[in-house]
Amino acid sequence: MFMRLRPAPLYLALFSALTATTSQAADPAWVDPAVASVNQDVIALRHTIHQHPELGNLEFKTAALVAEQLKALNIDVRTQVGKTGVVGVLKGGLPGPVVALRADMDALPVKELTGLSFASKASGIRQGKTVPVMHACGHDTHTAMLLGAAKVLAQHRDQVRGTVVFLFQPAEEGAADVDEFQSDTLIGAQAMIRDGALDSPKVEAIFGVHVMAGYPTGHLYYKAGTVLNSSDAFRISLKGRQTHGSAPWSGVDPIVASSAVIGGLQTLVSRRVDLSQGMGVISVGTLNGGSAANIIPETVEMTGTIRSNNATIRDTLLKEMPPMVQGISNAYGTEAKLVVANIAPVTRNDPSLTEAMIPALERAAPGKVHALTSSLSPSEDFSYYAQKVPGLFVFLGATPEDQDMSKAANNHSPYFTADDATLATGVKAHVQFVLNYPDRADKS
């Protein structure tokens, strides 16, 4: 799900966020040595998880590994949260608030072509079909980094103010065992929330870190307010009447109707929404129909995605799509069936929480913290947590600084890689969120 458009040139699209005084941030002397001491373990964990990826809702071995690691740290553990999710609870030695740190565990149905020594050769079953499986979006790094942060915080729990809830979530990329168009089953973040991930204990704020290819290793990026798009999927079936290709008048052509529907969908964005409020895009990703060149088929099916960085624009697109599809279909004499799957709302970072955590980010990556000047095009179901409690979702560069950022393979590419050297910054960011949030809570 985390597919992005690369901004034009990187350093023109970003500006350094050095306005906060780092002296405001809590940064005990033990943090850097503690992060360094777990670094090799984090890298080893990342390699193990990367080499053995699992699809959404099927992360059984990954979840078992996570639970084992947390229990070894004397962290209270709940399993089977949101189906295969794991929740760890660490009670600090000092009174304070409850904060959550979230990592996703699932991989994608992608065949790995990186050539890494620890590359995936795994396959899995996705909706009844055997597919290759790869950690093509960095969730292996997210899980390893959060386990590293758990170890650092557990080793220094007597100096931790409050309680830390570690959320290891399944199915951020969707569930391999659920057809999103045929089920109202909650998955991913929604399933974790349903099963009480934010309630026992009651979480006050939540943080997440996502690695990004094409951004330099060890650099952190943030934005207050809207940071990622909403995501909705759709499937449209058009039923006509099959006939010989030489006599189209004797049947009803769903292929011609489908082309009109695709064109009409684009006018929803260009003519139906107020684009001064934000952006929207409708993309058709699959179009299937027919079995021979000289036969007009009975049915055509298309699937696609709807994205927006504005809740009102999203609502308009979802409201206007059904009557438009039906109207065009009727005009061409076909029967239309439209199914929409709501995947994730707009991801918004709480503005005051974001501002308060800039010093923590600066402690995690001194001189390498940047504010994004605009939201990014991907989507994330972290948005569901951020609707329940104040949230902050930040991005961590994962491409070595000596490489050409414009040539780095994007997240979701079979060539996607994440630099092991960036993991320590991710671990430290999680730790700094925990150490610095209590000061913000005291002032609120």
Protein backbone atom coordinates (compact mmCIF):
# COMPACT_ATOMS: atom_id res chain seq x y z
CA MET A 1 0.00 0.00 0.00
CA PHE A 2 2.91 2.30 0.61
CA MET A 3 3.54 3.27 -3.01
CA ARG A 4 4.79 6.80 -3.55
CA LEU A 5 5.60 9.35 -6.20
CA ARG A 6 9.09 10.67 -5.82
CA PRO A 7 9.10 14.43 -5.18
CA ALA A 8 11.09 16.67 -7.47
CA PRO A 9 14.42 17.11 -6.41
CA LEU A 10 14.62 15.85 -2.87
CA TYR A 11 16.27 18.79 -1.21
CA LEU A 12 14.01 21.27 -3.00
CA ALA A 13 10.94 19.48 -1.69
CA LEU A 14 12.18 19.39 1.88
CA PHE A 15 13.50 21.93 4.30
CA SER A 16 15.40 21.39 7.49
CA ALA A 17 13.39 21.47 10.70
CA LEU A 18 15.85 22.87 13.14
CA THR A 19 13.65 25.50 14.74
CA ALA A 20 13.19 23.63 18.00
CA THR A 21 15.93 23.78 20.60
CA THR A 22 17.23 20.31 21.19
CA SER A 23 17.90 21.17 24.82
CA GLN A 24 14.16 20.75 25.38
CA ALA A 25 14.38 17.04 24.61
CA ALA A 26 15.14 14.34 27.13
CA ASP A 27 18.26 12.50 26.02
CA PRO A 28 19.84 10.47 28.85
CA ALA A 29 23.44 9.49 28.41
CA TRP A 30 22.53 5.80 28.25
CA VAL A 31 20.48 6.04 25.04
CA ASP A 32 23.24 6.06 22.41
CA PRO A 33 25.29 3.23 23.98
CA ALA A 34 22.11 1.18 24.52
CA VAL A 35 21.00 1.60 20.90
CA ALA A 36 24.50 0.71 19.71
CA SER A 37 24.54 -2.41 21.90
CA VAL A 38 21.40 -3.85 20.26
CA ASN A 39 22.24 -2.81 16.69
CA GLN A 40 23.70 -6.11 15.51
CA ASP A 41 20.76 -8.00 17.02
CA VAL A 42 18.35 -5.69 15.19
CA ILE A 43 20.14 -6.25 11.89
CA ALA A 44 20.13 -10.02 12.42
CA LEU A 45 16.42 -9.98 13.22
CA ARG A 46 15.72 -7.89 10.14
CA HIS A 47 17.59 -10.39 7.95
CA THR A 48 15.71 -13.34 9.45
CA ILE A 49 12.32 -11.70 9.01
CA HIS A 50 13.20 -10.55 5.49
CA GLN A 51 14.24 -14.04 4.45
CA HIS A 52 10.99 -15.54 5.79
CA PRO A 53 8.22 -13.09 4.84
CA GLU A 54 4.53 -13.81 5.40
CA LEU A 55 1.43 -12.31 3.82
CA GLY A 56 -1.22 -10.35 5.69
CA ASN A 57 -3.16 -12.27 8.36
CA LEU A 58 -0.77 -15.20 7.87
CA GLU A 59 2.17 -13.82 9.88
CA PHE A 60 2.19 -16.81 12.23
CA LYS A 61 5.96 -17.40 12.39
CA THR A 62 6.74 -13.68 12.50
CA ALA A 63 4.25 -13.18 15.34
CA ALA A 64 5.73 -16.14 17.23
CA LEU A 65 9.21 -14.65 16.86
CA VAL A 66 7.99 -11.26 18.10
CA ALA A 67 6.21 -12.78 21.10
CA GLU A 68 9.28 -14.85 22.00
CA GLN A 69 11.54 -11.79 21.86
CA LEU A 70 9.19 -9.70 24.01
CA LYS A 71 8.69 -12.42 26.61
CA ALA A 72 12.46 -12.79 26.94
CA LEU A 73 12.51 -9.13 27.95
CA ASN A 74 9.87 -9.71 30.68
CA ILE A 75 7.34 -7.66 28.72
CA ASP A 76 3.71 -8.67 29.15
CA VAL A 77 2.49 -10.17 25.86
CA ARG A 78 -0.91 -10.71 24.24
CA THR A 79 -1.10 -12.68 21.01
CA GLN A 80 -3.78 -13.22 18.36
CA VAL A 81 -4.77 -9.57 18.54
CA GLY A 82 -6.42 -8.61 15.24
CA LYS A 83 -5.88 -12.28 14.27
CA THR A 84 -2.07 -12.54 14.16
CA GLY A 85 -1.07 -9.32 15.90
CA VAL A 86 1.06 -9.10 19.04
CA VAL A 87 0.77 -6.53 21.81
CA GLY A 88 3.51 -6.02 24.38
CA VAL A 89 3.11 -3.89 27.50
CA LEU A 90 6.12 -2.51 29.38
CA LYS A 91 5.48 -0.73 32.68
CA GLY A 92 8.17 1.82 33.40
CA GLY A 93 9.68 2.38 36.82
CA LEU A 94 8.36 5.94 37.05
CA PRO A 95 4.78 7.23 36.89
CA GLY A 96 3.68 8.70 33.59
CA PRO A 97 1.45 8.43 30.52
CA VAL A 98 0.71 5.47 28.25
CA VAL A 99 2.17 5.67 24.73
CA ALA A 100 2.03 3.18 21.88
CA LEU A 101 4.65 2.35 19.27
CA ARG A 102 3.42 0.54 16.15
CA ALA A 103 5.15 -1.67 13.56
CA ASP A 104 3.57 -3.69 10.75
CA MET A 105 4.68 -7.27 10.08
CA ASP A 106 3.19 -8.33 6.73
CA ALA A 107 4.88 -8.72 3.35
CA LEU A 108 3.69 -8.35 -0.25
CA PRO A 109 2.95 -10.79 -3.10
CA VAL A 110 6.13 -9.76 -4.96
CA LYS A 111 9.01 -11.88 -6.31
CA GLU A 112 12.26 -10.54 -4.89
CA LEU A 113 14.94 -9.57 -7.42
CA THR A 114 17.38 -7.73 -5.14
CA GLY A 115 20.11 -10.38 -5.10
CA LEU A 116 20.63 -9.82 -1.36
CA SER A 117 22.32 -12.62 0.55
CA PHE A 118 19.20 -12.80 2.74
CA ALA A 119 16.70 -12.38 -0.12
CA SER A 120 13.32 -14.07 0.14
CA LYS A 121 12.65 -17.26 -1.75
CA ALA A 122 9.30 -17.73 -0.04
CA SER A 123 5.87 -18.24 -1.51
CA GLY A 124 2.43 -18.09 0.05
CA ILE A 125 -1.26 -18.52 -0.62
CA ARG A 126 -3.17 -15.35 -1.40
CA GLN A 127 -6.89 -15.82 -1.91
CA GLY A 128 -6.38 -19.38 -3.11
CA LYS A 129 -3.45 -18.72 -5.44
CA THR A 130 0.23 -19.43 -4.85
CA VAL A 131 2.28 -16.24 -5.08
CA PRO A 132 5.87 -15.19 -4.35
CA VAL A 133 6.30 -13.23 -1.12
CA MET A 134 8.74 -10.42 -0.34
CA HIS A 135 9.19 -7.68 2.23
CA ALA A 136 9.04 -5.06 -0.52
CA CYS A 137 7.85 -2.23 1.74
CA GLY A 138 10.24 -2.48 4.66
CA HIS A 139 7.93 -4.03 7.25
CA ASP A 140 10.79 -6.36 8.18
CA THR A 141 12.78 -3.29 9.24
CA HIS A 142 9.80 -1.87 11.14
CA THR A 143 9.38 -5.05 13.15
CA ALA A 144 13.11 -5.37 13.86
CA MET A 145 13.46 -1.71 14.85
CA LEU A 146 10.56 -1.88 17.28
CA LEU A 147 11.94 -5.06 18.83
CA GLY A 148 15.25 -3.23 19.23
CA ALA A 149 13.51 -0.30 20.92
CA ALA A 150 11.66 -2.73 23.20
CA LYS A 151 14.98 -4.23 24.28
CA VAL A 152 16.54 -0.82 24.98
CA LEU A 153 13.52 0.36 26.97
CA ALA A 154 13.18 -2.93 28.87
CA GLN A 155 16.84 -2.80 29.89
CA HIS A 156 16.25 0.71 31.28
CA ARG A 157 12.66 0.35 32.45
CA ASP A 158 13.49 1.89 35.82
CA GLN A 159 14.12 5.17 33.98
CA VAL A 160 11.02 5.00 31.78
CA ARG A 161 8.17 7.30 32.74
CA GLY A 162 4.80 5.65 32.25
CA THR A 163 3.83 2.62 30.18
CA VAL A 164 4.83 1.62 26.65
CA VAL A 165 2.49 -0.43 24.45
CA PHE A 166 4.23 -2.18 21.54
CA LEU A 167 1.84 -2.90 18.67
CA PHE A 168 3.01 -5.45 16.09
CA GLN A 169 0.25 -5.32 13.50
CA PRO A 170 -0.75 -7.74 10.74
CA ALA A 171 -2.25 -7.02 7.33
CA GLU A 172 -1.32 -3.40 6.73
CA GLU A 173 -1.05 -4.30 3.05
CA GLY A 174 -4.32 -6.22 3.12
CA ALA A 175 -5.24 -9.74 4.15
CA ALA A 176 -4.23 -12.73 2.04
CA ASP A 177 -7.17 -14.75 3.38
CA VAL A 178 -9.89 -12.11 2.81
CA ASP A 179 -11.36 -10.76 -0.43
CA GLU A 180 -11.71 -7.09 0.37
CA PHE A 181 -14.63 -6.79 -2.06
CA GLN A 182 -16.62 -9.68 -0.60
CA SER A 183 -16.15 -9.31 3.13
CA ASP A 184 -16.80 -6.75 5.82
CA THR A 185 -14.27 -8.47 8.08
CA LEU A 186 -12.04 -5.96 9.86
CA ILE A 187 -8.33 -6.41 9.21
CA GLY A 188 -5.05 -4.71 10.12
CA ALA A 189 -5.28 -1.65 12.34
CA GLN A 190 -9.07 -1.86 12.54
CA ALA A 191 -8.91 -5.43 13.82
CA MET A 192 -6.23 -4.47 16.36
CA ILE A 193 -8.41 -1.61 17.61
CA ARG A 194 -11.46 -3.89 17.76
CA ASP A 195 -9.48 -6.31 19.92
CA GLY A 196 -8.52 -3.62 22.41
CA ALA A 197 -4.98 -2.77 21.34
CA LEU A 198 -5.47 0.86 22.43
CA ASP A 199 -7.60 0.11 25.50
CA SER A 200 -5.71 -2.14 27.88
CA PRO A 201 -3.99 -0.01 29.06
CA LYS A 202 -5.62 3.13 27.63
CA VAL A 203 -3.21 4.66 25.11
CA GLU A 204 -2.81 8.45 25.09
CA ALA A 205 -0.66 8.87 21.95
CA ILE A 206 0.73 6.63 19.23
CA PHE A 207 3.86 6.79 17.06
CA GLY A 208 4.98 5.03 13.89
CA VAL A 209 8.08 5.03 11.67
CA HIS A 210 8.14 3.96 8.00
CA VAL A 211 11.29 3.44 5.92
CA MET A 212 11.46 5.12 2.51
CA ALA A 213 13.67 4.29 -0.44
CA GLY A 214 14.99 7.29 -2.34
CA TYR A 215 15.63 9.25 0.85
CA PRO A 216 19.05 9.16 2.55
CA THR A 217 19.85 6.72 5.33
CA GLY A 218 19.47 8.08 8.84
CA HIS A 219 17.35 11.10 7.88
CA LEU A 220 13.89 11.59 9.41
CA TYR A 221 10.96 13.36 7.71
CA TYR A 222 7.74 14.60 9.25
CA LYS A 223 4.72 16.79 8.55
CA ALA A 224 2.00 18.17 10.81
CA GLY A 225 -1.59 17.61 9.72
CA THR A 226 -2.32 15.59 6.56
CA VAL A 227 0.67 13.42 5.68
CA LEU A 228 -0.72 10.53 3.58
CA ASN A 229 -3.69 9.96 1.30
CA SER A 230 -6.86 8.01 1.94
CA SER A 231 -7.28 4.74 0.06
CA ASP A 232 -10.39 3.06 -1.33
CA ALA A 233 -10.56 0.20 -3.83
CA PHE A 234 -13.31 -0.44 -6.34
CA ARG A 235 -14.44 -3.23 -8.63
CA ILE A 236 -16.83 -2.61 -11.52
CA SER A 237 -18.49 -5.40 -13.53
CA LEU A 238 -20.29 -4.56 -16.77
CA LYS A 239 -22.54 -7.22 -18.25
CA GLY A 240 -23.57 -7.03 -21.90
CA ARG A 241 -24.62 -9.69 -24.39
CA GLN A 242 -22.01 -11.78 -26.17
CA THR A 243 -21.99 -11.82 -29.95
CA HIS A 244 -19.77 -12.16 -33.01
CA GLY A 245 -17.28 -9.34 -33.47
CA SER A 246 -18.45 -8.85 -37.06
CA ALA A 247 -22.02 -8.05 -35.92
CA PRO A 248 -21.87 -5.84 -32.81
CA TRP A 249 -25.45 -4.68 -33.35
CA SER A 250 -26.68 -8.15 -32.46
CA GLY A 251 -25.27 -7.95 -28.93
CA VAL A 252 -24.37 -5.44 -26.22
CA ASP A 253 -20.69 -4.50 -26.03
CA PRO A 254 -19.34 -4.15 -22.46
CA ILE A 255 -15.83 -3.32 -23.73
CA VAL A 256 -16.96 -0.07 -25.35
CA ALA A 257 -19.04 0.65 -22.25
CA SER A 258 -15.98 0.08 -20.04
CA SER A 259 -13.96 2.64 -21.98
CA ALA A 260 -16.73 5.20 -21.42
CA VAL A 261 -16.85 4.37 -17.72
CA ILE A 262 -13.07 4.82 -17.38
CA GLY A 263 -13.26 8.20 -19.09
CA GLY A 264 -16.21 9.23 -16.96
CA LEU A 265 -14.40 8.34 -13.75
CA GLN A 266 -11.69 10.87 -14.58
CA THR A 267 -14.28 13.65 -14.74
CA LEU A 268 -15.22 12.94 -11.14
CA VAL A 269 -11.87 14.43 -10.20
CA SER A 270 -11.68 17.16 -12.85
CA ARG A 271 -15.32 18.31 -12.71
CA ARG A 272 -17.00 17.18 -9.50
CA VAL A 273 -14.60 18.02 -6.67
CA ASP A 274 -13.20 21.29 -5.37
CA LEU A 275 -9.51 20.81 -6.13
CA SER A 276 -8.62 23.99 -4.28
CA GLN A 277 -9.16 21.92 -1.11
CA GLY A 278 -6.68 19.20 -2.03
CA MET A 279 -6.11 16.42 -4.55
CA GLY A 280 -7.88 13.30 -5.70
CA VAL A 281 -7.04 10.56 -8.17
CA ILE A 282 -8.92 7.60 -9.58
CA SER A 283 -6.82 4.95 -11.31
CA VAL A 284 -8.00 1.77 -13.02
CA GLY A 285 -5.39 -0.91 -12.43
CA THR A 286 -6.92 -3.99 -14.06
CA LEU A 287 -9.27 -4.46 -17.03
CA ASN A 288 -10.34 -7.97 -17.94
CA GLY A 289 -12.77 -9.19 -20.56
CA GLY A 290 -13.01 -11.41 -23.59
CA SER A 291 -11.41 -14.62 -24.79
CA ALA A 292 -10.98 -14.17 -28.55
CA ALA A 293 -10.30 -11.36 -31.01
CA ASN A 294 -13.51 -11.90 -32.96
CA ILE A 295 -15.94 -12.27 -30.03
CA ILE A 296 -17.59 -9.43 -28.13
CA PRO A 297 -17.70 -10.81 -24.56
CA GLU A 298 -20.58 -10.88 -22.15
CA THR A 299 -18.75 -9.25 -19.26
CA VAL A 300 -15.87 -6.91 -18.50
CA GLU A 301 -14.44 -6.36 -15.03
CA MET A 302 -12.16 -3.57 -13.87
CA THR A 303 -10.58 -2.77 -10.52
CA GLY A 304 -8.88 0.36 -9.32
CA THR A 305 -8.00 2.72 -6.51
CA ILE A 306 -9.26 6.07 -5.23
CA ARG A 307 -6.84 8.34 -3.35
CA SER A 308 -7.20 11.78 -1.79
CA ASN A 309 -5.53 13.95 0.82
CA ASN A 310 -8.81 15.62 1.81
CA ALA A 311 -11.71 13.92 3.61
CA THR A 312 -14.35 16.01 1.83
CA ILE A 313 -12.90 15.22 -1.60
CA ARG A 314 -12.81 11.55 -0.69
CA ASP A 315 -16.46 11.64 0.38
CA THR A 316 -17.45 13.40 -2.85
CA LEU A 317 -15.71 10.83 -5.02
CA LEU A 318 -17.29 7.94 -3.13
CA LYS A 319 -20.74 9.55 -3.31
CA GLU A 320 -20.60 10.51 -6.99
CA MET A 321 -19.06 7.33 -8.38
CA PRO A 322 -22.10 4.96 -8.14
CA PRO A 323 -24.63 7.13 -10.05
CA MET A 324 -22.05 8.00 -12.71
CA VAL A 325 -21.11 4.36 -13.33
CA GLN A 326 -24.76 3.34 -13.40
CA GLY A 327 -25.72 6.17 -15.75
CA ILE A 328 -22.98 5.43 -18.26
CA SER A 329 -23.70 1.72 -18.09
CA ASN A 330 -27.38 2.33 -18.77
CA ALA A 331 -26.55 4.55 -21.74
CA TYR A 332 -24.61 1.68 -23.33
CA GLY A 333 -27.23 -0.93 -22.52
CA THR A 334 -25.11 -2.86 -20.04
CA GLU A 335 -25.76 -3.87 -16.45
CA ALA A 336 -23.33 -2.47 -13.91
CA LYS A 337 -22.27 -3.72 -10.50
CA LEU A 338 -19.98 -1.52 -8.41
CA VAL A 339 -18.37 -2.63 -5.15
CA VAL A 340 -16.19 -0.27 -3.09
CA ALA A 341 -13.83 -1.35 -0.29
CA ASN A 342 -12.87 1.39 2.17
CA ILE A 343 -9.25 0.69 3.08
CA ALA A 344 -7.92 3.71 4.97
CA PRO A 345 -8.87 7.32 5.67
CA VAL A 346 -6.47 10.24 5.29
CA THR A 347 -3.51 9.91 7.67
CA ARG A 348 -3.21 13.03 9.81
CA ASN A 349 -0.49 13.83 12.31
CA ASP A 350 -1.75 15.66 15.36
CA PRO A 351 -0.30 19.20 14.94
CA SER A 352 0.50 19.87 18.59
CA LEU A 353 1.95 16.41 19.12
CA THR A 354 4.07 16.81 15.99
CA GLU A 355 5.43 20.15 17.15
CA ALA A 356 6.18 18.79 20.62
CA MET A 357 8.10 15.80 19.22
CA ILE A 358 10.45 17.72 16.90
CA PRO A 359 13.10 17.85 19.65
CA ALA A 360 12.79 14.08 20.07
CA LEU A 361 13.33 13.58 16.35
CA GLU A 362 16.34 15.86 16.45
CA ARG A 363 17.80 13.79 19.27
CA ALA A 364 17.29 10.65 17.20
CA ALA A 365 18.91 12.11 14.06
CA PRO A 366 20.86 15.28 14.90
CA GLY A 367 20.99 17.64 11.94
CA LYS A 368 19.07 15.18 9.76
CA VAL A 369 15.45 16.06 10.51
CA HIS A 370 13.35 17.59 7.75
CA ALA A 371 9.80 18.86 7.42
CA LEU A 372 7.91 17.71 4.33
CA THR A 373 6.42 20.63 2.44
CA SER A 374 3.48 18.57 1.17
CA SER A 375 1.72 15.33 1.95
CA LEU A 376 2.76 12.12 0.19
CA SER A 377 0.63 10.05 -2.17
CA PRO A 378 0.63 6.61 -0.46
CA SER A 379 -1.82 5.48 2.20
CA GLU A 380 -1.48 3.77 5.57
CA ASP A 381 -3.95 2.21 7.98
CA PHE A 382 -2.03 3.87 10.82
CA SER A 383 -4.72 6.49 10.09
CA TYR A 384 -7.24 4.44 12.08
CA TYR A 385 -5.14 4.68 15.24
CA ALA A 386 -4.68 8.41 14.68
CA GLN A 387 -8.47 8.81 14.56
CA LYS A 388 -8.69 7.34 18.05
CA VAL A 389 -5.74 9.02 19.79
CA PRO A 390 -3.23 11.72 18.82
CA GLY A 391 -0.73 10.18 16.42
CA LEU A 392 2.56 10.97 14.72
CA PHE A 393 3.76 9.00 11.68
CA VAL A 394 7.25 9.82 10.41
CA PHE A 395 9.48 8.57 7.62
CA LEU A 396 13.02 7.23 7.76
CA GLY A 397 15.37 7.39 4.78
CA ALA A 398 16.68 3.98 3.76
CA THR A 399 19.02 4.57 0.79
CA PRO A 400 22.77 5.06 1.39
CA GLU A 401 23.72 8.73 1.03
CA ASP A 402 26.37 7.97 -1.60
CA GLN A 403 23.75 6.57 -4.00
CA ASP A 404 21.64 8.45 -6.54
CA MET A 405 18.31 8.93 -4.75
CA SER A 406 16.44 9.28 -8.04
CA LYS A 407 17.51 5.78 -9.10
CA ALA A 408 16.57 3.94 -5.91
CA ALA A 409 13.86 1.32 -6.41
CA ASN A 410 10.60 2.47 -4.84
CA ASN A 411 8.80 0.75 -2.00
CA HIS A 412 6.77 -2.16 -3.48
CA SER A 413 9.37 -2.75 -6.23
CA PRO A 414 10.90 -6.24 -6.52
CA TYR A 415 14.25 -4.40 -6.32
CA PHE A 416 13.38 -2.46 -3.16
CA THR A 417 16.07 -2.51 -0.49
CA ALA A 418 16.50 -0.81 2.88
CA ASP A 419 19.96 0.02 4.21
CA ASP A 420 20.81 -1.81 7.44
CA ALA A 421 22.66 1.31 8.59
CA THR A 422 19.38 3.19 8.99
CA LEU A 423 17.95 0.77 11.56
CA ALA A 424 19.74 2.35 14.52
CA THR A 425 18.10 5.71 13.78
CA GLY A 426 14.70 4.02 13.72
CA VAL A 427 15.34 2.31 17.05
CA LYS A 428 16.44 5.58 18.59
CA ALA A 429 13.42 7.45 17.22
CA HIS A 430 11.10 5.01 18.99
CA VAL A 431 13.04 5.34 22.22
CA GLN A 432 13.05 9.14 22.03
CA PHE A 433 9.28 9.23 21.48
CA VAL A 434 8.85 7.34 24.76
CA LEU A 435 11.35 9.45 26.69
CA ASN A 436 10.11 12.81 25.44
CA TYR A 437 6.34 12.39 25.36
CA PRO A 438 5.88 12.65 29.16
CA ASP A 439 7.15 16.27 29.08
CA ARG A 440 4.50 17.08 26.49
CA ALA A 441 1.84 15.28 28.55
CA ASP A 442 2.81 17.28 31.64
CA LYS A 443 2.24 20.55 29.79
CA SER A 444 -1.11 19.58 28.26
